[in-house]
Structures are given as C-alpha cells and as structure tokens.
N, C-alpha and C. Protein backbone atom coordinates (compact mmCIF):
# COMPACT_ATOMS: atom_id res chain seq x y z
N MET A 1 -181.17 -99.60 -239.58
CA MET A 1 -181.14 -98.44 -238.76
C MET A 1 -181.93 -97.38 -239.27
N ALA A 2 -182.97 -96.92 -238.67
CA ALA A 2 -183.83 -95.81 -239.22
C ALA A 2 -183.28 -94.49 -238.72
N LEU A 3 -183.13 -93.64 -239.73
CA LEU A 3 -182.63 -92.38 -239.47
C LEU A 3 -183.65 -91.20 -239.32
N SER A 4 -184.97 -91.62 -239.48
CA SER A 4 -185.98 -90.62 -239.41
C SER A 4 -187.27 -91.30 -238.84
N ASP A 5 -188.23 -90.45 -238.39
CA ASP A 5 -189.38 -91.02 -237.76
C ASP A 5 -190.32 -91.48 -238.79
N GLU A 6 -191.33 -92.31 -238.46
CA GLU A 6 -192.23 -93.05 -239.34
C GLU A 6 -193.03 -91.99 -240.25
N THR A 7 -193.46 -90.84 -239.55
CA THR A 7 -194.29 -89.92 -240.28
C THR A 7 -193.45 -89.32 -241.45
N THR A 8 -192.28 -88.94 -241.13
CA THR A 8 -191.34 -88.40 -242.15
C THR A 8 -191.12 -89.43 -243.30
N ARG A 9 -190.88 -90.66 -242.97
CA ARG A 9 -190.70 -91.73 -244.00
C ARG A 9 -191.92 -91.88 -244.85
N ASN A 10 -193.01 -91.97 -244.13
CA ASN A 10 -194.26 -92.10 -244.86
C ASN A 10 -194.52 -90.94 -245.89
N ALA A 11 -194.25 -89.80 -245.41
CA ALA A 11 -194.55 -88.61 -246.21
C ALA A 11 -193.57 -88.65 -247.48
N TYR A 12 -192.34 -89.08 -247.18
CA TYR A 12 -191.44 -89.16 -248.26
C TYR A 12 -191.87 -90.21 -249.37
N LEU A 13 -192.19 -91.33 -248.81
CA LEU A 13 -192.71 -92.45 -249.77
C LEU A 13 -193.91 -91.96 -250.54
N ALA A 14 -194.86 -91.31 -249.92
CA ALA A 14 -196.13 -90.93 -250.56
C ALA A 14 -195.81 -89.89 -251.68
N ALA A 15 -194.82 -88.91 -251.34
CA ALA A 15 -194.36 -87.96 -252.28
C ALA A 15 -193.64 -88.51 -253.39
N TRP A 16 -192.81 -89.59 -253.16
CA TRP A 16 -192.10 -90.21 -254.20
C TRP A 16 -193.04 -90.94 -255.16
N ASN A 17 -193.98 -91.67 -254.69
CA ASN A 17 -194.95 -92.38 -255.50
C ASN A 17 -195.79 -91.49 -256.28
N ASP A 18 -196.27 -90.36 -255.68
CA ASP A 18 -197.03 -89.32 -256.43
C ASP A 18 -196.34 -88.73 -257.59
N TRP A 19 -195.12 -88.39 -257.31
CA TRP A 19 -194.15 -87.85 -258.35
C TRP A 19 -193.93 -88.89 -259.45
N GLN A 20 -193.60 -90.01 -259.09
CA GLN A 20 -193.35 -91.15 -260.11
C GLN A 20 -194.58 -91.31 -260.93
N LYS A 21 -195.73 -91.19 -260.45
CA LYS A 21 -197.00 -91.43 -261.31
C LYS A 21 -196.98 -90.33 -262.33
N GLN A 22 -196.75 -89.10 -261.92
CA GLN A 22 -196.83 -88.01 -262.88
C GLN A 22 -195.62 -88.16 -263.90
N LEU A 23 -194.50 -88.48 -263.47
CA LEU A 23 -193.35 -88.71 -264.36
C LEU A 23 -193.67 -89.84 -265.33
N ASP A 24 -194.18 -90.92 -264.92
CA ASP A 24 -194.68 -91.91 -265.81
C ASP A 24 -195.55 -91.52 -266.82
N HIS A 25 -196.53 -90.66 -266.46
CA HIS A 25 -197.51 -90.06 -267.46
C HIS A 25 -196.76 -89.32 -268.51
N ILE A 26 -195.80 -88.41 -268.07
CA ILE A 26 -194.99 -87.63 -268.98
C ILE A 26 -194.28 -88.49 -269.95
N HIS A 27 -193.66 -89.60 -269.43
CA HIS A 27 -192.90 -90.50 -270.36
C HIS A 27 -193.84 -91.19 -271.34
N ARG A 28 -194.98 -91.55 -270.84
CA ARG A 28 -195.90 -92.22 -271.83
C ARG A 28 -196.29 -91.26 -272.99
N VAL A 29 -196.43 -89.91 -272.62
CA VAL A 29 -196.94 -88.89 -273.62
C VAL A 29 -195.68 -88.68 -274.57
N PHE A 30 -194.46 -88.41 -273.96
CA PHE A 30 -193.47 -87.92 -274.87
C PHE A 30 -192.47 -88.97 -275.41
N LEU A 31 -192.53 -90.08 -274.79
CA LEU A 31 -191.59 -91.18 -275.16
C LEU A 31 -192.37 -92.44 -275.79
N GLN A 32 -193.60 -92.53 -275.47
CA GLN A 32 -194.31 -93.76 -275.93
C GLN A 32 -195.54 -93.26 -276.82
N ASP A 33 -195.57 -92.09 -277.16
CA ASP A 33 -196.56 -91.57 -278.02
C ASP A 33 -198.10 -91.77 -277.53
N GLU A 34 -198.22 -91.57 -276.30
CA GLU A 34 -199.63 -91.54 -275.77
C GLU A 34 -200.30 -90.32 -276.25
N ALA A 35 -201.48 -90.40 -276.81
CA ALA A 35 -202.14 -89.23 -277.26
C ALA A 35 -202.88 -88.40 -276.27
N ILE A 36 -202.58 -87.16 -276.15
CA ILE A 36 -203.40 -86.27 -275.33
C ILE A 36 -203.52 -85.01 -276.14
N ARG A 37 -204.56 -84.13 -275.79
CA ARG A 37 -204.83 -82.97 -276.47
C ARG A 37 -203.72 -81.99 -276.13
N PRO A 38 -203.35 -81.11 -277.08
CA PRO A 38 -202.31 -80.18 -276.85
C PRO A 38 -202.49 -79.22 -275.61
N ASP A 39 -203.80 -78.89 -275.35
CA ASP A 39 -204.16 -78.01 -274.22
C ASP A 39 -203.93 -78.82 -272.90
N GLN A 40 -203.78 -80.11 -272.88
CA GLN A 40 -203.54 -80.93 -271.82
C GLN A 40 -202.02 -80.97 -271.33
N ILE A 41 -201.19 -80.60 -272.24
CA ILE A 41 -199.73 -80.78 -271.96
C ILE A 41 -199.28 -79.83 -270.86
N LYS A 42 -199.84 -78.63 -270.89
CA LYS A 42 -199.39 -77.61 -269.89
C LYS A 42 -199.78 -78.17 -268.41
N GLY A 43 -201.00 -78.61 -268.43
CA GLY A 43 -201.46 -79.23 -267.08
C GLY A 43 -200.63 -80.39 -266.62
N LEU A 44 -200.31 -81.27 -267.59
CA LEU A 44 -199.54 -82.40 -267.27
C LEU A 44 -198.14 -81.98 -266.61
N LEU A 45 -197.57 -80.98 -267.33
CA LEU A 45 -196.26 -80.61 -266.82
C LEU A 45 -196.33 -79.88 -265.57
N ASN A 46 -197.43 -79.07 -265.33
CA ASN A 46 -197.57 -78.37 -264.14
C ASN A 46 -197.83 -79.37 -262.93
N ARG A 47 -198.60 -80.33 -263.13
CA ARG A 47 -198.86 -81.40 -262.10
C ARG A 47 -197.50 -82.06 -261.67
N GLU A 48 -196.74 -82.32 -262.82
CA GLU A 48 -195.46 -83.04 -262.43
C GLU A 48 -194.54 -82.06 -261.62
N ALA A 49 -194.54 -80.90 -262.01
CA ALA A 49 -193.64 -79.91 -261.29
C ALA A 49 -194.05 -79.75 -259.85
N ARG A 50 -195.45 -79.67 -259.70
CA ARG A 50 -195.88 -79.55 -258.25
C ARG A 50 -195.52 -80.78 -257.42
N LYS A 51 -195.75 -81.99 -258.04
CA LYS A 51 -195.40 -83.22 -257.34
C LYS A 51 -193.93 -83.36 -257.01
N LYS A 52 -193.12 -82.79 -257.94
CA LYS A 52 -191.63 -82.79 -257.70
C LYS A 52 -191.32 -81.88 -256.53
N ALA A 53 -191.89 -80.77 -256.47
CA ALA A 53 -191.75 -79.79 -255.48
C ALA A 53 -192.05 -80.45 -253.99
N VAL A 54 -193.23 -81.13 -253.96
CA VAL A 54 -193.55 -81.86 -252.74
C VAL A 54 -192.55 -82.89 -252.40
N TYR A 55 -192.14 -83.67 -253.43
CA TYR A 55 -191.16 -84.73 -253.18
C TYR A 55 -189.71 -84.01 -252.59
N ASP A 56 -189.30 -83.02 -253.30
CA ASP A 56 -188.14 -82.30 -252.81
C ASP A 56 -188.18 -81.96 -251.42
N GLU A 57 -189.31 -81.34 -250.94
CA GLU A 57 -189.51 -80.95 -249.71
C GLU A 57 -189.44 -82.19 -248.76
N ALA A 58 -190.19 -83.20 -249.06
CA ALA A 58 -190.16 -84.44 -248.23
C ALA A 58 -188.73 -85.11 -248.18
N ARG A 59 -188.02 -85.04 -249.25
CA ARG A 59 -186.62 -85.54 -249.29
C ARG A 59 -185.77 -84.74 -248.39
N GLU A 60 -185.85 -83.45 -248.44
CA GLU A 60 -185.03 -82.59 -247.52
C GLU A 60 -185.38 -82.85 -246.11
N ARG A 61 -186.53 -83.04 -245.77
CA ARG A 61 -187.02 -83.41 -244.43
C ARG A 61 -186.49 -84.76 -243.94
N LEU A 62 -186.59 -85.72 -244.86
CA LEU A 62 -186.07 -87.10 -244.61
C LEU A 62 -184.57 -87.08 -244.30
N LEU A 63 -183.78 -86.32 -245.15
CA LEU A 63 -182.38 -86.23 -244.93
C LEU A 63 -181.88 -85.33 -243.95
N GLY A 64 -182.81 -84.51 -243.30
CA GLY A 64 -182.42 -83.58 -242.36
C GLY A 64 -181.67 -82.40 -242.90
N ILE A 65 -181.77 -82.15 -244.14
CA ILE A 65 -180.98 -80.98 -244.74
C ILE A 65 -181.60 -79.72 -244.29
N ARG A 66 -182.91 -79.61 -244.18
CA ARG A 66 -183.49 -78.36 -243.61
C ARG A 66 -184.62 -78.70 -242.67
N ASP A 67 -184.72 -77.83 -241.66
CA ASP A 67 -185.81 -78.02 -240.72
C ASP A 67 -187.12 -77.73 -241.44
N ALA A 68 -188.16 -78.47 -240.94
CA ALA A 68 -189.48 -78.28 -241.58
C ALA A 68 -190.05 -76.78 -241.52
N GLU A 69 -189.57 -76.05 -240.46
CA GLU A 69 -190.09 -74.61 -240.39
C GLU A 69 -189.34 -73.74 -241.42
N THR A 70 -188.25 -74.13 -241.90
CA THR A 70 -187.54 -73.20 -242.82
C THR A 70 -187.94 -73.51 -244.31
N LEU A 71 -188.58 -74.58 -244.52
CA LEU A 71 -189.01 -74.88 -245.91
C LEU A 71 -190.37 -74.20 -246.24
N PRO A 72 -190.48 -73.56 -247.43
CA PRO A 72 -191.70 -73.10 -247.82
C PRO A 72 -192.76 -74.29 -248.11
N ALA A 73 -193.90 -74.12 -247.75
CA ALA A 73 -194.95 -75.24 -248.05
C ALA A 73 -195.11 -75.32 -249.56
N ALA A 74 -194.99 -76.65 -250.00
CA ALA A 74 -195.09 -76.88 -251.51
C ALA A 74 -196.54 -76.48 -252.00
N GLU A 75 -197.49 -76.36 -251.14
CA GLU A 75 -198.86 -75.99 -251.51
C GLU A 75 -198.95 -74.46 -251.60
N SER A 76 -197.87 -73.68 -251.13
CA SER A 76 -198.01 -72.32 -251.22
C SER A 76 -197.60 -71.66 -252.45
N ASN A 77 -197.99 -72.20 -253.60
CA ASN A 77 -197.66 -71.71 -254.90
C ASN A 77 -198.43 -70.40 -255.20
N PRO A 78 -197.85 -69.30 -255.28
CA PRO A 78 -198.67 -67.99 -255.53
C PRO A 78 -199.28 -67.97 -256.88
N PHE A 79 -198.94 -68.83 -257.91
CA PHE A 79 -199.50 -68.91 -259.19
C PHE A 79 -200.64 -69.86 -259.36
N LYS A 80 -200.78 -70.64 -258.25
CA LYS A 80 -201.95 -71.67 -258.38
C LYS A 80 -203.19 -71.06 -257.90
N ASP A 81 -204.22 -71.26 -258.65
CA ASP A 81 -205.62 -70.77 -258.30
C ASP A 81 -206.46 -71.85 -257.89
C-alpha cells in the first residue's frame, strides 16, 4: 500500500541515497583513516549537513508531517555562497 505519490517517493529515495554517500565518506575519513587534507574536512562536514537537510525535508514530505509549502527550501541556506 503506497502512502505517497511517486514523485515524493522518488525525491525521498534520491535524498536518502545522496545523504548516505556523504555519510559514508565521513565514516571513511573518521573511522577508516581515509586521508584527506585538513582544509577539506569542513567542506566534507558541510556537504553532509546540507544533504541531511534535504533528506529531512523529503522525509517530512513523505510522512506527511508538514506540507511542502510550510517547509523552508533546503537550498535556501543564507550562509551558502
């Protein structure tokens, strides 16, 4: 039984996959000693945080917790240039 439309499901799955890729990279760096330059760590963490925000938004839409109009766009980060 599908509780949501196909577009919402696809957006959720894409957001989940994107976030997991970033999370896997963080795990490789911090848990498996993958070498990256120190100046790349901040970017790595920021990318993961942005993907997590997109995932959270997609999850809330999928679950019907919030209406799409009430959610701030994940891309509307005032600190992102």
